[in-house]
Amino acid sequence: APGAAGGNAMAAELEPFAVVDAGAPLGRACEADVVAVGPVTLAALSADDYAAAVAAGRAALGGGGAATLKLLLLTGRSGRTAEQVEQLAGRLAAYEIFRTMEEDLRREVCSVVEFIPAPAGSTLFRQGDPVCFCYVVVKGSVSFTKEQDDGEAVEMGVKGPGEHFGTLSTLTCGQHRRAFTATAREDCEFVVLGRVAYTRLVKKQLSDKVNERVELFKSLAALSDVPEESLKSIAFHTNTEICPAGTVVVHPACYPSKVFFILKGVCKLAWLTDDLNARQPAMPMSKRVHAELFHTGPLAVAPAAASTL
């Protein structure tokens, strides 16, 4: 920003995920120079693209879109057809909480969500109540207050259309309690997901993934003699890791601490050496042989280099 003597003064330092020049889509000029003080990666959006995205969002959530969403939600959970669930999944994908879900889970969730209206002034839940529902605001706004030690209620924030409260993680993590009291500031409409239904869906999805992984493990020669119960335990405790093309999954200088099963894609095993006469070490090798070969022997790697691999 311009300084008192005509120079520049540091007004603020922006952290990751901060919005730079939020006024640009509204046609306002930036009030200060924005200077990169080091290597920076930015996600940029032009004013035209912003306007198009807003228009698309309004078309999905407003006017006829909102009416269609309400009609779909008012159809009882047990009465929703596969086509209605698919339409509902498409509508709700405009909301962040649903957009970040895997498509299969989103469809499953859309078969159990419900529609709940709330008149202005009504209390959705009170501070200290158990967390039983996740709310997504379709219409209206909700204020959140927290009771202080002296009994005074202080407003902590407001949420409106497209926003949600009562996160999904709290629905599956035991008996959490509400930290705030939520009150409808005006007539509101919500998409609501219950704790029992969501927990059941998550458990079913986990069970399906475990069973799918067990069938894959059965086809592997290395696990052909392992009992099925043990395979289920292995499948349950394995974590999915996604590696972009070119990622070094295992480097010879780092003794492997994991067993990798390729679920999708192809990995290349490569032995790289500057010595054309060197032979590839016999595998598998013990930790002692590995240490002698790669850290004290002919293939020793500098500790700093090895730690970055």
C-alpha atoms as a PDB file:
ATOM      1  CA  ALA A   1       0.000   0.000   0.000  1.00  0.00           C
ATOM      2  CA  PRO A   2       1.240   3.606  -0.586  1.00  0.00           C
ATOM      3  CA  GLY A   3       3.321   4.867   2.355  1.00  0.00           C
ATOM      4  CA  ALA A   4       3.293   8.317   3.966  1.00  0.00           C
ATOM      5  CA  ALA A   5       6.459   9.391   2.136  1.00  0.00           C
ATOM      6  CA  GLY A   6       5.286   8.170  -1.235  1.00  0.00           C
ATOM      7  CA  GLY A   7       6.958   4.779  -0.920  1.00  0.00           C
ATOM      8  CA  ASN A   8       5.367   1.423  -0.306  1.00  0.00           C
ATOM      9  CA  ALA A   9       4.473  -0.023   3.091  1.00  0.00           C
ATOM     10  CA  MET A  10       3.658  -3.644   3.903  1.00  0.00           C
ATOM     11  CA  ALA A  11      -0.103  -3.706   4.593  1.00  0.00           C
ATOM     12  CA  ALA A  12      -0.588  -7.438   5.145  1.00  0.00           C
ATOM     13  CA  GLU A  13       0.977 -10.799   4.439  1.00  0.00           C
ATOM     14  CA  LEU A  14      -1.384 -13.237   2.747  1.00  0.00           C
ATOM     15  CA  GLU A  15      -1.438 -16.849   3.866  1.00  0.00           C
ATOM     16  CA  PRO A  16      -2.236 -19.903   1.685  1.00  0.00           C
ATOM     17  CA  PHE A  17      -5.900 -20.052   0.570  1.00  0.00           C
ATOM     18  CA  ALA A  18      -6.354 -16.304   1.099  1.00  0.00           C
ATOM     19  CA  VAL A  19      -8.374 -14.513  -1.588  1.00  0.00           C
ATOM     20  CA  VAL A  20      -6.395 -11.880  -3.519  1.00  0.00           C
ATOM     21  CA  ASP A  21      -8.339  -8.954  -5.047  1.00  0.00           C
ATOM     22  CA  ALA A  22     -11.830 -10.206  -4.191  1.00  0.00           C
ATOM     23  CA  GLY A  23     -13.301  -6.996  -5.600  1.00  0.00           C
ATOM     24  CA  ALA A  24     -12.234  -7.739  -9.186  1.00  0.00           C
ATOM     25  CA  PRO A  25     -15.342  -9.805 -10.090  1.00  0.00           C
ATOM     26  CA  LEU A  26     -17.463  -6.867  -8.870  1.00  0.00           C
ATOM     27  CA  GLY A  27     -15.643  -4.393 -11.119  1.00  0.00           C
ATOM     28  CA  ARG A  28     -13.680  -2.703  -8.331  1.00  0.00           C
ATOM     29  CA  ALA A  29     -10.018  -1.791  -8.701  1.00  0.00           C
ATOM     30  CA  CYS A  30      -7.443  -3.370  -6.412  1.00  0.00           C
ATOM     31  CA  GLU A  31      -6.503  -0.999  -3.569  1.00  0.00           C
ATOM     32  CA  ALA A  32      -2.913  -2.182  -3.178  1.00  0.00           C
ATOM     33  CA  ASP A  33      -0.044  -3.823  -5.037  1.00  0.00           C
ATOM     34  CA  VAL A  34       0.181  -7.573  -4.464  1.00  0.00           C
ATOM     35  CA  VAL A  35       3.816  -8.704  -4.601  1.00  0.00           C
ATOM     36  CA  ALA A  36       5.114 -12.276  -4.428  1.00  0.00           C
ATOM     37  CA  VAL A  37       7.909 -12.475  -1.862  1.00  0.00           C
ATOM     38  CA  GLY A  38       8.871 -15.968  -2.999  1.00  0.00           C
ATOM     39  CA  PRO A  39       7.697 -18.762  -5.311  1.00  0.00           C
ATOM     40  CA  VAL A  40       3.867 -18.685  -5.301  1.00  0.00           C
ATOM     41  CA  THR A  41       1.222 -20.920  -6.892  1.00  0.00           C
ATOM     42  CA  LEU A  42      -2.071 -19.121  -7.564  1.00  0.00           C
ATOM     43  CA  ALA A  43      -5.493 -20.309  -8.662  1.00  0.00           C
ATOM     44  CA  ALA A  44      -6.771 -17.478 -10.897  1.00  0.00           C
ATOM     45  CA  LEU A  45     -10.341 -16.789 -12.013  1.00  0.00           C
ATOM     46  CA  SER A  46     -11.271 -14.069 -14.482  1.00  0.00           C
ATOM     47  CA  ALA A  47     -14.236 -11.759 -13.887  1.00  0.00           C
ATOM     48  CA  ASP A  48     -16.070 -13.345 -16.859  1.00  0.00           C
ATOM     49  CA  ASP A  49     -15.469 -16.872 -15.568  1.00  0.00           C
ATOM     50  CA  TYR A  50     -16.599 -15.810 -12.097  1.00  0.00           C
ATOM     51  CA  ALA A  51     -19.825 -14.341 -13.500  1.00  0.00           C
ATOM     52  CA  ALA A  52     -20.475 -17.513 -15.508  1.00  0.00           C
ATOM     53  CA  ALA A  53     -19.892 -19.711 -12.447  1.00  0.00           C
ATOM     54  CA  VAL A  54     -22.260 -17.600 -10.329  1.00  0.00           C
ATOM     55  CA  ALA A  55     -24.913 -17.722 -13.055  1.00  0.00           C
ATOM     56  CA  ALA A  56     -24.615 -21.511 -13.286  1.00  0.00           C
ATOM     57  CA  GLY A  57     -24.891 -21.820  -9.512  1.00  0.00           C
ATOM     58  CA  ARG A  58     -27.975 -19.639  -9.408  1.00  0.00           C
ATOM     59  CA  ALA A  59     -29.563 -21.660 -12.201  1.00  0.00           C
ATOM     60  CA  ALA A  60     -28.982 -24.862 -10.218  1.00  0.00           C
ATOM     61  CA  LEU A  61     -30.053 -23.517  -6.817  1.00  0.00           C
ATOM     62  CA  GLY A  62     -32.440 -20.691  -7.545  1.00  0.00           C
ATOM     63  CA  GLY A  63     -35.826 -20.249  -9.180  1.00  0.00           C
ATOM     64  CA  GLY A  64     -37.094 -23.422 -10.824  1.00  0.00           C
ATOM     65  CA  GLY A  65     -33.978 -25.272  -9.674  1.00  0.00           C
ATOM     66  CA  ALA A  66     -34.819 -24.694  -6.012  1.00  0.00           C
ATOM     67  CA  ALA A  67     -38.441 -25.710  -6.601  1.00  0.00           C
ATOM     68  CA  THR A  68     -37.345 -28.939  -8.300  1.00  0.00           C
ATOM     69  CA  LEU A  69     -34.925 -29.674  -5.451  1.00  0.00           C
ATOM     70  CA  LYS A  70     -37.711 -29.157  -2.915  1.00  0.00           C
ATOM     71  CA  LEU A  71     -40.062 -31.475  -4.806  1.00  0.00           C
ATOM     72  CA  LEU A  72     -37.402 -34.179  -4.959  1.00  0.00           C
ATOM     73  CA  LEU A  73     -36.694 -33.841  -1.239  1.00  0.00           C
ATOM     74  CA  LEU A  74     -40.392 -33.959  -0.349  1.00  0.00           C
ATOM     75  CA  THR A  75     -40.617 -37.383  -1.959  1.00  0.00           C
ATOM     76  CA  GLY A  76     -40.286 -39.825   0.941  1.00  0.00           C
ATOM     77  CA  ARG A  77     -36.979 -41.661   1.251  1.00  0.00           C
ATOM     78  CA  SER A  78     -38.603 -45.038   0.669  1.00  0.00           C
ATOM     79  CA  GLY A  79     -40.539 -43.714  -2.330  1.00  0.00           C
ATOM     80  CA  ARG A  80     -37.638 -42.226  -4.292  1.00  0.00           C
ATOM     81  CA  THR A  81     -36.925 -43.903  -7.597  1.00  0.00           C
ATOM     82  CA  ALA A  82     -33.412 -44.448  -8.937  1.00  0.00           C
ATOM     83  CA  GLU A  83     -34.028 -41.618 -11.423  1.00  0.00           C
ATOM     84  CA  GLN A  84     -35.104 -39.236  -8.637  1.00  0.00           C
ATOM     85  CA  VAL A  85     -32.043 -40.133  -6.563  1.00  0.00           C
ATOM     86  CA  GLU A  86     -29.841 -39.429  -9.592  1.00  0.00           C
ATOM     87  CA  GLN A  87     -31.542 -36.054 -10.139  1.00  0.00           C
ATOM     88  CA  LEU A  88     -31.212 -35.215  -6.461  1.00  0.00           C
ATOM     89  CA  ALA A  89     -27.520 -36.122  -6.527  1.00  0.00           C
ATOM     90  CA  GLY A  90     -27.016 -33.785  -9.476  1.00  0.00           C
ATOM     91  CA  ARG A  91     -28.813 -30.914  -7.724  1.00  0.00           C
ATOM     92  CA  LEU A  92     -27.043 -31.367  -4.395  1.00  0.00           C
ATOM     93  CA  ALA A  93     -23.624 -31.570  -6.088  1.00  0.00           C
ATOM     94  CA  ALA A  94     -23.850 -27.761  -6.290  1.00  0.00           C
ATOM     95  CA  TYR A  95     -23.341 -27.679  -2.507  1.00  0.00           C
ATOM     96  CA  GLU A  96     -19.779 -28.058  -1.251  1.00  0.00           C
ATOM     97  CA  ILE A  97     -20.512 -30.778   1.324  1.00  0.00           C
ATOM     98  CA  PHE A  98     -22.000 -33.039  -1.369  1.00  0.00           C
ATOM     99  CA  ARG A  99     -19.632 -32.016  -4.172  1.00  0.00           C
ATOM    100  CA  THR A 100     -16.615 -33.366  -2.282  1.00  0.00           C
ATOM    101  CA  MET A 101     -18.169 -36.824  -1.839  1.00  0.00           C
ATOM    102  CA  GLU A 102     -17.384 -39.740  -4.117  1.00  0.00           C
ATOM    103  CA  GLU A 103     -20.206 -40.167  -6.652  1.00  0.00           C
ATOM    104  CA  ASP A 104     -21.338 -43.545  -5.301  1.00  0.00           C
ATOM    105  CA  LEU A 105     -21.538 -42.249  -1.728  1.00  0.00           C
ATOM    106  CA  ARG A 106     -23.337 -39.087  -2.871  1.00  0.00           C
ATOM    107  CA  ARG A 107     -26.023 -41.169  -4.573  1.00  0.00           C
ATOM    108  CA  GLU A 108     -26.389 -43.324  -1.457  1.00  0.00           C
ATOM    109  CA  VAL A 109     -26.637 -40.225   0.736  1.00  0.00           C
ATOM    110  CA  CYS A 110     -29.264 -38.701  -1.579  1.00  0.00           C
ATOM    111  CA  SER A 111     -31.468 -41.724  -0.965  1.00  0.00           C
ATOM    112  CA  VAL A 112     -31.696 -40.900   2.771  1.00  0.00           C
ATOM    113  CA  VAL A 113     -31.548 -37.079   3.056  1.00  0.00           C
ATOM    114  CA  GLU A 114     -34.674 -35.245   4.153  1.00  0.00           C
ATOM    115  CA  PHE A 115     -36.274 -31.806   3.773  1.00  0.00           C
ATOM    116  CA  ILE A 116     -37.008 -29.764   6.898  1.00  0.00           C
ATOM    117  CA  PRO A 117     -38.515 -26.233   6.992  1.00  0.00           C
ATOM    118  CA  ALA A 118     -38.066 -23.983  10.028  1.00  0.00           C
ATOM    119  CA  PRO A 119     -39.975 -20.739  10.722  1.00  0.00           C
ATOM    120  CA  ALA A 120     -38.146 -17.563  11.706  1.00  0.00           C
ATOM    121  CA  GLY A 121     -37.115 -17.542  15.358  1.00  0.00           C
ATOM    122  CA  SER A 122     -37.237 -21.317  15.825  1.00  0.00           C
ATOM    123  CA  THR A 123     -34.350 -23.058  17.603  1.00  0.00           C
ATOM    124  CA  LEU A 124     -32.825 -25.915  15.615  1.00  0.00           C
ATOM    125  CA  PHE A 125     -30.721 -27.155  18.536  1.00  0.00           C
ATOM    126  CA  ARG A 126     -29.259 -25.842  21.749  1.00  0.00           C
ATOM    127  CA  GLN A 127     -25.715 -25.706  23.058  1.00  0.00           C
ATOM    128  CA  GLY A 128     -24.936 -29.065  24.686  1.00  0.00           C
ATOM    129  CA  ASP A 129     -27.456 -31.084  22.647  1.00  0.00           C
ATOM    130  CA  PRO A 130     -26.137 -34.305  21.050  1.00  0.00           C
ATOM    131  CA  VAL A 131     -25.143 -34.054  17.377  1.00  0.00           C
ATOM    132  CA  CYS A 132     -27.797 -36.013  15.494  1.00  0.00           C
ATOM    133  CA  PHE A 133     -28.094 -34.166  12.168  1.00  0.00           C
ATOM    134  CA  CYS A 134     -26.044 -32.317   9.578  1.00  0.00           C
ATOM    135  CA  TYR A 135     -27.888 -29.313   8.104  1.00  0.00           C
ATOM    136  CA  VAL A 136     -27.398 -27.768   4.655  1.00  0.00           C
ATOM    137  CA  VAL A 137     -29.069 -24.374   4.211  1.00  0.00           C
ATOM    138  CA  VAL A 138     -31.216 -24.195   1.061  1.00  0.00           C
ATOM    139  CA  LYS A 139     -33.108 -21.022   1.956  1.00  0.00           C
ATOM    140  CA  GLY A 140     -32.795 -18.423   4.723  1.00  0.00           C
ATOM    141  CA  SER A 141     -30.056 -17.893   7.288  1.00  0.00           C
ATOM    142  CA  VAL A 142     -29.132 -19.258  10.715  1.00  0.00           C
ATOM    143  CA  SER A 143     -27.355 -17.511  13.581  1.00  0.00           C
ATOM    144  CA  PHE A 144     -25.130 -19.276  16.105  1.00  0.00           C
ATOM    145  CA  THR A 145     -24.822 -18.149  19.708  1.00  0.00           C
ATOM    146  CA  LYS A 146     -22.635 -19.421  22.531  1.00  0.00           C
ATOM    147  CA  GLU A 147     -23.522 -19.015  26.189  1.00  0.00           C
ATOM    148  CA  GLN A 148     -20.687 -17.509  28.216  1.00  0.00           C
ATOM    149  CA  ASP A 149     -19.805 -18.287  31.836  1.00  0.00           C
ATOM    150  CA  ASP A 150     -21.838 -15.272  32.969  1.00  0.00           C
ATOM    151  CA  GLY A 151     -24.920 -16.589  31.145  1.00  0.00           C
ATOM    152  CA  GLU A 152     -24.794 -14.050  28.323  1.00  0.00           C
ATOM    153  CA  ALA A 153     -25.375 -15.433  24.792  1.00  0.00           C
ATOM    154  CA  VAL A 154     -22.863 -14.087  22.257  1.00  0.00           C
ATOM    155  CA  GLU A 155     -23.450 -14.414  18.504  1.00  0.00           C
ATOM    156  CA  MET A 156     -20.593 -16.362  16.937  1.00  0.00           C
ATOM    157  CA  GLY A 157     -21.598 -16.291  13.275  1.00  0.00           C
ATOM    158  CA  VAL A 158     -24.254 -16.639  10.579  1.00  0.00           C
ATOM    159  CA  LYS A 159     -24.665 -19.163   7.752  1.00  0.00           C
ATOM    160  CA  GLY A 160     -26.819 -18.855   4.649  1.00  0.00           C
ATOM    161  CA  PRO A 161     -27.796 -20.727   1.457  1.00  0.00           C
ATOM    162  CA  GLY A 162     -25.210 -23.259   0.262  1.00  0.00           C
ATOM    163  CA  GLU A 163     -23.471 -23.488   3.643  1.00  0.00           C
ATOM    164  CA  HIS A 164     -23.713 -26.344   6.127  1.00  0.00           C
ATOM    165  CA  PHE A 165     -23.232 -26.953   9.835  1.00  0.00           C
ATOM    166  CA  GLY A 166     -22.951 -30.088  11.941  1.00  0.00           C
ATOM    167  CA  THR A 167     -20.066 -31.675   9.999  1.00  0.00           C
ATOM    168  CA  LEU A 168     -20.234 -35.243   8.707  1.00  0.00           C
ATOM    169  CA  SER A 169     -17.190 -36.264  10.752  1.00  0.00           C
ATOM    170  CA  THR A 170     -19.092 -35.569  13.984  1.00  0.00           C
ATOM    171  CA  LEU A 171     -21.933 -37.837  12.845  1.00  0.00           C
ATOM    172  CA  THR A 172     -19.679 -40.904  12.828  1.00  0.00           C
ATOM    173  CA  CYS A 173     -17.508 -40.165  15.887  1.00  0.00           C
ATOM    174  CA  GLY A 174     -19.672 -41.052  18.857  1.00  0.00           C
ATOM    175  CA  GLN A 175     -21.801 -38.722  20.940  1.00  0.00           C
ATOM    176  CA  HIS A 176     -20.508 -35.226  20.182  1.00  0.00           C
ATOM    177  CA  ARG A 177     -22.287 -32.257  21.743  1.00  0.00           C
ATOM    178  CA  ARG A 178     -23.290 -29.018  20.058  1.00  0.00           C
ATOM    179  CA  ALA A 179     -20.927 -26.166  20.854  1.00  0.00           C
ATOM    180  CA  PHE A 180     -23.494 -23.518  19.880  1.00  0.00           C
ATOM    181  CA  THR A 181     -27.218 -22.799  19.786  1.00  0.00           C
ATOM    182  CA  ALA A 182     -28.611 -22.473  16.242  1.00  0.00           C
ATOM    183  CA  THR A 183     -31.613 -20.209  15.562  1.00  0.00           C
ATOM    184  CA  ALA A 184     -33.413 -19.483  12.284  1.00  0.00           C
ATOM    185  CA  ARG A 185     -33.110 -15.743  11.590  1.00  0.00           C
ATOM    186  CA  GLU A 186     -35.857 -15.970   8.936  1.00  0.00           C
ATOM    187  CA  ASP A 187     -38.005 -18.672   7.372  1.00  0.00           C
ATOM    188  CA  CYS A 188     -35.540 -21.415   6.420  1.00  0.00           C
ATOM    189  CA  GLU A 189     -35.399 -24.636   4.444  1.00  0.00           C
ATOM    190  CA  PHE A 190     -32.780 -27.332   4.988  1.00  0.00           C
ATOM    191  CA  VAL A 191     -31.456 -30.553   3.518  1.00  0.00           C
ATOM    192  CA  VAL A 192     -30.877 -32.737   6.569  1.00  0.00           C
ATOM    193  CA  LEU A 193     -28.790 -35.893   6.934  1.00  0.00           C
ATOM    194  CA  GLY A 194     -29.295 -37.965  10.077  1.00  0.00           C
ATOM    195  CA  ARG A 195     -26.486 -39.546  12.096  1.00  0.00           C
ATOM    196  CA  VAL A 196     -27.958 -43.065  12.095  1.00  0.00           C
ATOM    197  CA  ALA A 197     -28.566 -43.156   8.328  1.00  0.00           C
ATOM    198  CA  TYR A 198     -25.167 -41.668   7.467  1.00  0.00           C
ATOM    199  CA  THR A 199     -23.286 -43.993   9.817  1.00  0.00           C
ATOM    200  CA  ARG A 200     -25.058 -46.973   8.274  1.00  0.00           C
ATOM    201  CA  LEU A 201     -24.093 -45.818   4.770  1.00  0.00           C
ATOM    202  CA  VAL A 202     -20.444 -45.276   5.720  1.00  0.00           C
ATOM    203  CA  LYS A 203     -20.248 -48.720   7.318  1.00  0.00           C
ATOM    204  CA  LYS A 204     -21.852 -50.304   4.236  1.00  0.00           C
ATOM    205  CA  GLN A 205     -19.438 -48.496   1.910  1.00  0.00           C
ATOM    206  CA  LEU A 206     -16.480 -49.583   4.053  1.00  0.00           C
ATOM    207  CA  SER A 207     -17.732 -53.177   4.063  1.00  0.00           C
ATOM    208  CA  ASP A 208     -18.140 -53.147   0.279  1.00  0.00           C
ATOM    209  CA  LYS A 209     -14.606 -51.780  -0.201  1.00  0.00           C
ATOM    210  CA  VAL A 210     -13.142 -54.362   2.181  1.00  0.00           C
ATOM    211  CA  ASN A 211     -14.907 -57.216   0.348  1.00  0.00           C
ATOM    212  CA  GLU A 212     -13.757 -55.861  -3.023  1.00  0.00           C
ATOM    213  CA  ARG A 213     -10.190 -55.662  -1.770  1.00  0.00           C
ATOM    214  CA  VAL A 214     -10.350 -59.190  -0.316  1.00  0.00           C
ATOM    215  CA  GLU A 215     -11.325 -60.559  -3.734  1.00  0.00           C
ATOM    216  CA  LEU A 216      -8.336 -58.761  -5.248  1.00  0.00           C
ATOM    217  CA  PHE A 217      -5.989 -60.157  -2.577  1.00  0.00           C
ATOM    218  CA  LYS A 218      -7.244 -63.682  -3.259  1.00  0.00           C
ATOM    219  CA  SER A 219      -5.951 -63.374  -6.819  1.00  0.00           C
ATOM    220  CA  LEU A 220      -2.411 -62.543  -5.648  1.00  0.00           C
ATOM    221  CA  ALA A 221      -0.015 -65.475  -5.508  1.00  0.00           C
ATOM    222  CA  ALA A 222       1.725 -64.022  -2.441  1.00  0.00           C
ATOM    223  CA  LEU A 223      -1.539 -64.165  -0.467  1.00  0.00           C
ATOM    224  CA  SER A 224      -3.075 -67.307  -1.950  1.00  0.00           C
ATOM    225  CA  ASP A 225      -2.545 -69.345   1.235  1.00  0.00           C
ATOM    226  CA  VAL A 226      -3.716 -66.659   3.678  1.00  0.00           C
ATOM    227  CA  PRO A 227      -7.053 -67.442   5.435  1.00  0.00           C
ATOM    228  CA  GLU A 228      -9.994 -65.250   4.436  1.00  0.00           C
ATOM    229  CA  GLU A 229     -10.400 -63.759   7.918  1.00  0.00           C
ATOM    230  CA  SER A 230      -6.774 -62.639   7.801  1.00  0.00           C
ATOM    231  CA  LEU A 231      -7.329 -61.161   4.336  1.00  0.00           C
ATOM    232  CA  LYS A 232     -10.278 -59.185   5.701  1.00  0.00           C
ATOM    233  CA  SER A 233      -8.098 -57.830   8.479  1.00  0.00           C
ATOM    234  CA  ILE A 234      -5.386 -56.872   5.966  1.00  0.00           C
ATOM    235  CA  ALA A 235      -7.962 -55.226   3.677  1.00  0.00           C
ATOM    236  CA  PHE A 236      -9.486 -53.281   6.571  1.00  0.00           C
ATOM    237  CA  HIS A 237      -6.144 -51.870   7.723  1.00  0.00           C
ATOM    238  CA  THR A 238      -4.726 -50.966   4.305  1.00  0.00           C
ATOM    239  CA  ASN A 239      -4.877 -47.318   3.255  1.00  0.00           C
ATOM    240  CA  THR A 240      -5.383 -46.148  -0.309  1.00  0.00           C
ATOM    241  CA  GLU A 241      -2.483 -44.037  -1.595  1.00  0.00           C
ATOM    242  CA  ILE A 242      -2.779 -42.231  -4.929  1.00  0.00           C
ATOM    243  CA  CYS A 243       0.527 -41.593  -6.702  1.00  0.00           C
ATOM    244  CA  PRO A 244       0.701 -39.283  -9.740  1.00  0.00           C
ATOM    245  CA  ALA A 245       2.650 -40.486 -12.768  1.00  0.00           C
ATOM    246  CA  GLY A 246       6.379 -40.222 -12.154  1.00  0.00           C
ATOM    247  CA  THR A 247       6.184 -40.649  -8.377  1.00  0.00           C
ATOM    248  CA  VAL A 248       9.003 -42.715  -6.873  1.00  0.00           C
ATOM    249  CA  VAL A 249       7.032 -45.108  -4.666  1.00  0.00           C
ATOM    250  CA  VAL A 250      10.046 -46.987  -3.268  1.00  0.00           C
ATOM    251  CA  HIS A 251      13.693 -45.963  -3.577  1.00  0.00           C
ATOM    252  CA  PRO A 252      16.470 -48.531  -3.118  1.00  0.00           C
ATOM    253  CA  ALA A 253      18.263 -46.333  -0.577  1.00  0.00           C
ATOM    254  CA  CYS A 254      15.215 -46.300   1.725  1.00  0.00           C
ATOM    255  CA  TYR A 255      14.459 -49.654   3.313  1.00  0.00           C
ATOM    256  CA  PRO A 256      10.745 -50.311   2.630  1.00  0.00           C
ATOM    257  CA  SER A 257       8.406 -49.933   5.604  1.00  0.00           C
ATOM    258  CA  LYS A 258       5.230 -50.865   3.725  1.00  0.00           C
ATOM    259  CA  VAL A 259       3.875 -53.534   1.422  1.00  0.00           C
ATOM    260  CA  PHE A 260       2.220 -52.056  -1.679  1.00  0.00           C
ATOM    261  CA  PHE A 261      -0.606 -53.734  -3.629  1.00  0.00           C
ATOM    262  CA  ILE A 262      -1.315 -52.137  -7.012  1.00  0.00           C
ATOM    263  CA  LEU A 263      -5.085 -51.582  -7.250  1.00  0.00           C
ATOM    264  CA  LYS A 264      -5.027 -49.473 -10.419  1.00  0.00           C
ATOM    265  CA  GLY A 265      -2.386 -48.439 -12.919  1.00  0.00           C
ATOM    266  CA  VAL A 266       1.111 -49.742 -13.680  1.00  0.00           C
ATOM    267  CA  CYS A 267       4.398 -49.415 -11.793  1.00  0.00           C
ATOM    268  CA  LYS A 268       7.816 -49.811 -13.357  1.00  0.00           C
ATOM    269  CA  LEU A 269      10.655 -51.510 -11.487  1.00  0.00           C
ATOM    270  CA  ALA A 270      13.904 -49.809 -12.427  1.00  0.00           C
ATOM    271  CA  TRP A 271      17.497 -50.405 -11.348  1.00  0.00           C
ATOM    272  CA  LEU A 272      19.479 -47.216 -11.963  1.00  0.00           C
ATOM    273  CA  THR A 273      23.253 -47.103 -11.593  1.00  0.00           C
ATOM    274  CA  ASP A 274      26.174 -45.070 -12.896  1.00  0.00           C
ATOM    275  CA  ASP A 275      28.311 -48.201 -13.001  1.00  0.00           C
ATOM    276  CA  LEU A 276      27.508 -50.238 -16.097  1.00  0.00           C
ATOM    277  CA  ASN A 277      29.271 -53.245 -14.557  1.00  0.00           C
ATOM    278  CA  ALA A 278      27.244 -53.155 -11.331  1.00  0.00           C
ATOM    279  CA  ARG A 279      24.836 -55.980 -10.724  1.00  0.00           C
ATOM    280  CA  GLN A 280      21.376 -55.538  -9.258  1.00  0.00           C
ATOM    281  CA  PRO A 281      21.383 -56.705  -5.600  1.00  0.00           C
ATOM    282  CA  ALA A 282      19.574 -59.935  -4.865  1.00  0.00           C
ATOM    283  CA  MET A 283      16.080 -59.402  -3.460  1.00  0.00           C
ATOM    284  CA  PRO A 284      14.793 -59.635  -0.843  1.00  0.00           C
ATOM    285  CA  MET A 285      17.592 -58.491   1.428  1.00  0.00           C
ATOM    286  CA  SER A 286      17.824 -58.095   5.182  1.00  0.00           C
ATOM    287  CA  LYS A 287      18.033 -54.677   6.859  1.00  0.00           C
ATOM    288  CA  ARG A 288      21.676 -55.408   7.727  1.00  0.00           C
ATOM    289  CA  VAL A 289      22.645 -56.193   4.135  1.00  0.00           C
ATOM    290  CA  HIS A 290      20.627 -53.185   2.931  1.00  0.00           C
ATOM    291  CA  ALA A 291      22.439 -50.867   5.346  1.00  0.00           C
ATOM    292  CA  GLU A 292      25.847 -52.230   4.379  1.00  0.00           C
ATOM    293  CA  LEU A 293      25.104 -51.946   0.663  1.00  0.00           C
ATOM    294  CA  PHE A 294      23.427 -48.540   0.492  1.00  0.00           C
ATOM    295  CA  HIS A 295      24.748 -46.619   3.470  1.00  0.00           C
ATOM    296  CA  THR A 296      28.298 -47.838   4.099  1.00  0.00           C
ATOM    297  CA  GLY A 297      29.191 -49.767   0.955  1.00  0.00           C
ATOM    298  CA  PRO A 298      29.621 -49.080  -2.771  1.00  0.00           C
ATOM    299  CA  LEU A 299      26.086 -47.668  -3.198  1.00  0.00           C
ATOM    300  CA  ALA A 300      26.173 -45.365  -0.168  1.00  0.00           C
ATOM    301  CA  VAL A 301      23.826 -42.384  -0.364  1.00  0.00           C
ATOM    302  CA  ALA A 302      24.366 -39.122   1.483  1.00  0.00           C
ATOM    303  CA  PRO A 303      21.940 -38.881   4.423  1.00  0.00           C
ATOM    304  CA  ALA A 304      20.537 -35.547   3.235  1.00  0.00           C
ATOM    305  CA  ALA A 305      19.800 -36.956  -0.205  1.00  0.00           C
ATOM    306  CA  ALA A 306      18.305 -40.143   1.188  1.00  0.00           C
ATOM    307  CA  SER A 307      15.980 -38.286   3.543  1.00  0.00           C
ATOM    308  CA  THR A 308      14.317 -36.414   0.693  1.00  0.00           C
ATOM    309  CA  LEU A 309      13.415 -39.514  -1.255  1.00  0.00           C
END
